[in-house]
Amino acid sequence: SPNPRNYYRCSTNGCTVKKRVERDIDDPSYVINTYEGIHNHTSPSVVYYTAQDDDSGRFFVSGFQNLCQRS
């Protein structure tokens, strides 16, 4: 597929929330984020960058509030 999906899950132990990220089929400049489930914990407001960070703008999020994108 020219627009593969990426799957993520909440990093909090016991939380089953999942996130799917994919490009729009009709307009690949759009990204579609789909969330499944409800978090079963309070919201941390911390964004962690991992050793896998690069200039693509990807980052790992531990939590679901106060998210920011790297500039």
N, C-alpha and C. Protein backbone atom coordinates (compact mmCIF):
# COMPACT_ATOMS: atom_id res chain seq x y z
N SER A 1 0.84 -1.19 0.00
CA SER A 1 0.00 0.00 0.00
C SER A 1 0.88 1.25 0.00
N PRO A 2 0.53 2.24 -0.78
CA PRO A 2 1.31 3.48 -0.80
C PRO A 2 1.13 4.29 0.49
N ASN A 3 0.08 4.02 1.24
CA ASN A 3 -0.20 4.73 2.49
C ASN A 3 -0.40 3.74 3.63
N PRO A 4 0.68 3.18 4.15
CA PRO A 4 0.53 2.20 5.23
C PRO A 4 0.00 2.82 6.51
N ARG A 5 -0.63 2.00 7.33
CA ARG A 5 -1.15 2.45 8.62
C ARG A 5 -0.09 2.22 9.69
N ASN A 6 -0.12 3.08 10.70
CA ASN A 6 0.73 2.91 11.87
C ASN A 6 -0.18 2.74 13.07
N TYR A 7 0.18 1.82 13.96
CA TYR A 7 -0.64 1.52 15.12
C TYR A 7 0.14 1.84 16.40
N TYR A 8 -0.56 2.44 17.36
CA TYR A 8 0.05 2.81 18.64
C TYR A 8 -0.90 2.39 19.76
N ARG A 9 -0.36 2.21 20.95
CA ARG A 9 -1.20 1.94 22.11
C ARG A 9 -0.72 2.82 23.25
N CYS A 10 -1.60 3.09 24.19
CA CYS A 10 -1.25 3.89 25.35
C CYS A 10 -0.18 3.14 26.14
N SER A 11 0.81 3.87 26.64
CA SER A 11 1.91 3.24 27.36
C SER A 11 1.63 3.00 28.84
N THR A 12 0.47 3.46 29.32
CA THR A 12 0.13 3.24 30.73
C THR A 12 -0.28 1.79 30.93
N ASN A 13 0.30 1.14 31.92
CA ASN A 13 0.03 -0.27 32.19
C ASN A 13 -1.46 -0.50 32.43
N GLY A 14 -2.05 -1.42 31.69
CA GLY A 14 -3.45 -1.77 31.85
C GLY A 14 -4.43 -0.95 31.03
N CYS A 15 -3.96 0.11 30.36
CA CYS A 15 -4.84 0.94 29.53
C CYS A 15 -4.88 0.33 28.13
N THR A 16 -6.08 0.19 27.58
CA THR A 16 -6.24 -0.49 26.29
C THR A 16 -6.48 0.46 25.12
N VAL A 17 -6.31 1.77 25.31
CA VAL A 17 -6.56 2.72 24.23
C VAL A 17 -5.56 2.49 23.10
N LYS A 18 -6.08 2.52 21.87
CA LYS A 18 -5.26 2.33 20.68
C LYS A 18 -5.46 3.50 19.73
N LYS A 19 -4.45 3.79 18.94
CA LYS A 19 -4.49 4.88 17.96
C LYS A 19 -4.00 4.34 16.63
N ARG A 20 -4.72 4.69 15.56
CA ARG A 20 -4.33 4.30 14.21
C ARG A 20 -4.06 5.58 13.43
N VAL A 21 -2.94 5.64 12.74
CA VAL A 21 -2.57 6.81 11.95
C VAL A 21 -2.36 6.37 10.51
N GLU A 22 -3.02 7.08 9.59
CA GLU A 22 -2.88 6.74 8.17
C GLU A 22 -3.10 7.98 7.32
N ARG A 23 -2.60 7.95 6.11
CA ARG A 23 -2.81 9.03 5.15
C ARG A 23 -4.17 8.86 4.49
N ASP A 24 -4.81 9.97 4.16
CA ASP A 24 -6.08 9.94 3.44
C ASP A 24 -5.84 9.37 2.04
N ILE A 25 -6.70 8.48 1.59
CA ILE A 25 -6.54 7.85 0.28
C ILE A 25 -6.68 8.87 -0.84
N ASP A 26 -7.66 9.78 -0.71
CA ASP A 26 -7.92 10.75 -1.77
C ASP A 26 -6.95 11.92 -1.77
N ASP A 27 -6.44 12.30 -0.60
CA ASP A 27 -5.50 13.42 -0.50
C ASP A 27 -4.43 13.08 0.54
N PRO A 28 -3.31 12.51 0.11
CA PRO A 28 -2.27 12.06 1.04
C PRO A 28 -1.64 13.17 1.88
N SER A 29 -1.96 14.42 1.61
CA SER A 29 -1.43 15.50 2.45
C SER A 29 -2.16 15.55 3.79
N TYR A 30 -3.29 14.84 3.90
CA TYR A 30 -4.05 14.76 5.15
C TYR A 30 -3.71 13.48 5.89
N VAL A 31 -3.63 13.60 7.22
CA VAL A 31 -3.38 12.44 8.08
C VAL A 31 -4.63 12.19 8.90
N ILE A 32 -5.07 10.95 8.95
CA ILE A 32 -6.26 10.57 9.71
C ILE A 32 -5.81 9.84 10.98
N ASN A 33 -6.21 10.37 12.14
CA ASN A 33 -5.93 9.74 13.44
C ASN A 33 -7.23 9.17 13.98
N THR A 34 -7.25 7.89 14.27
CA THR A 34 -8.44 7.23 14.80
C THR A 34 -8.10 6.65 16.17
N TYR A 35 -8.89 7.02 17.17
CA TYR A 35 -8.67 6.54 18.54
C TYR A 35 -9.76 5.53 18.89
N GLU A 36 -9.38 4.48 19.60
CA GLU A 36 -10.32 3.45 20.02
C GLU A 36 -10.16 3.21 21.51
N GLY A 37 -11.25 3.40 22.27
CA GLY A 37 -11.22 3.14 23.70
C GLY A 37 -11.23 4.41 24.53
N ILE A 38 -11.27 4.21 25.84
CA ILE A 38 -11.28 5.30 26.80
C ILE A 38 -10.16 5.04 27.81
N HIS A 39 -9.33 6.06 28.04
CA HIS A 39 -8.24 5.91 29.00
C HIS A 39 -8.81 5.63 30.39
N ASN A 40 -8.16 4.76 31.13
CA ASN A 40 -8.62 4.38 32.47
C ASN A 40 -7.72 4.96 33.56
N HIS A 41 -7.11 6.11 33.28
CA HIS A 41 -6.15 6.72 34.21
C HIS A 41 -6.17 8.23 34.03
N THR A 42 -5.56 8.94 34.97
CA THR A 42 -5.47 10.39 34.84
C THR A 42 -4.48 10.74 33.74
N SER A 43 -4.56 11.95 33.26
CA SER A 43 -3.76 12.37 32.13
C SER A 43 -2.43 12.99 32.53
N PRO A 44 -1.33 12.33 32.18
CA PRO A 44 -0.05 13.00 32.36
C PRO A 44 0.10 14.04 31.25
N SER A 45 0.82 15.09 31.51
CA SER A 45 0.99 16.12 30.48
C SER A 45 2.45 16.18 30.06
N VAL A 46 3.01 15.01 29.79
CA VAL A 46 4.43 14.91 29.45
C VAL A 46 4.58 14.27 28.08
N VAL A 47 5.43 14.84 27.26
CA VAL A 47 5.78 14.24 25.98
C VAL A 47 7.23 13.82 26.05
N TYR A 48 7.50 12.56 25.78
CA TYR A 48 8.85 12.03 25.83
C TYR A 48 9.39 11.85 24.41
N TYR A 49 10.59 12.32 24.17
CA TYR A 49 11.26 12.05 22.91
C TYR A 49 12.17 10.86 23.12
N THR A 50 12.16 9.94 22.18
CA THR A 50 12.94 8.72 22.35
C THR A 50 14.22 8.79 21.52
N ALA A 51 15.08 7.80 21.70
CA ALA A 51 16.33 7.74 20.94
C ALA A 51 16.06 7.55 19.46
N GLN A 52 14.84 7.17 19.11
CA GLN A 52 14.50 6.97 17.70
C GLN A 52 14.06 8.26 17.03
N ASP A 53 14.06 9.37 17.75
CA ASP A 53 13.65 10.64 17.17
C ASP A 53 14.58 11.01 16.02
N ASP A 54 14.00 11.60 15.03
CA ASP A 54 14.79 12.13 13.93
C ASP A 54 14.09 13.38 13.42
N ASP A 55 14.47 13.87 12.28
CA ASP A 55 13.91 15.12 11.76
C ASP A 55 12.55 14.93 11.09
N SER A 56 11.97 13.76 11.17
CA SER A 56 10.68 13.51 10.53
C SER A 56 9.52 14.08 11.33
N GLY A 57 9.77 14.51 12.57
CA GLY A 57 8.71 15.05 13.40
C GLY A 57 7.99 14.00 14.22
N ARG A 58 8.43 12.75 14.17
CA ARG A 58 7.79 11.69 14.94
C ARG A 58 8.20 11.78 16.40
N PHE A 59 7.28 11.45 17.28
CA PHE A 59 7.61 11.42 18.70
C PHE A 59 6.71 10.45 19.42
N PHE A 60 7.15 10.03 20.58
CA PHE A 60 6.41 9.08 21.41
C PHE A 60 5.69 9.88 22.49
N VAL A 61 4.41 9.62 22.67
CA VAL A 61 3.63 10.35 23.65
C VAL A 61 3.20 9.41 24.76
N SER A 62 3.48 9.79 25.98
CA SER A 62 2.99 9.05 27.13
C SER A 62 1.90 9.89 27.74
N GLY A 63 0.69 9.67 27.33
CA GLY A 63 -0.42 10.48 27.79
C GLY A 63 -1.29 10.90 26.62
N PHE A 64 -2.26 11.75 26.88
CA PHE A 64 -3.18 12.12 25.83
C PHE A 64 -3.68 13.55 25.94
N GLN A 65 -3.00 14.39 26.70
CA GLN A 65 -3.38 15.78 26.84
C GLN A 65 -2.14 16.64 26.72
N ASN A 66 -2.32 17.89 26.39
CA ASN A 66 -1.22 18.84 26.29
C ASN A 66 -0.12 18.34 25.35
N LEU A 67 -0.52 17.83 24.21
CA LEU A 67 0.45 17.31 23.25
C LEU A 67 1.06 18.47 22.47
N CYS A 68 2.30 18.33 22.10
CA CYS A 68 2.94 19.36 21.29
C CYS A 68 3.71 18.69 20.17
N GLN A 69 3.92 19.42 19.10
CA GLN A 69 4.69 18.89 17.99
C GLN A 69 6.04 19.58 17.98
N ARG A 70 7.04 18.82 17.72
CA ARG A 70 8.39 19.36 17.65
C ARG A 70 8.50 20.28 16.45
N SER A 71 9.14 21.43 16.63
CA SER A 71 9.30 22.35 15.49
C SER A 71 10.66 22.22 14.86
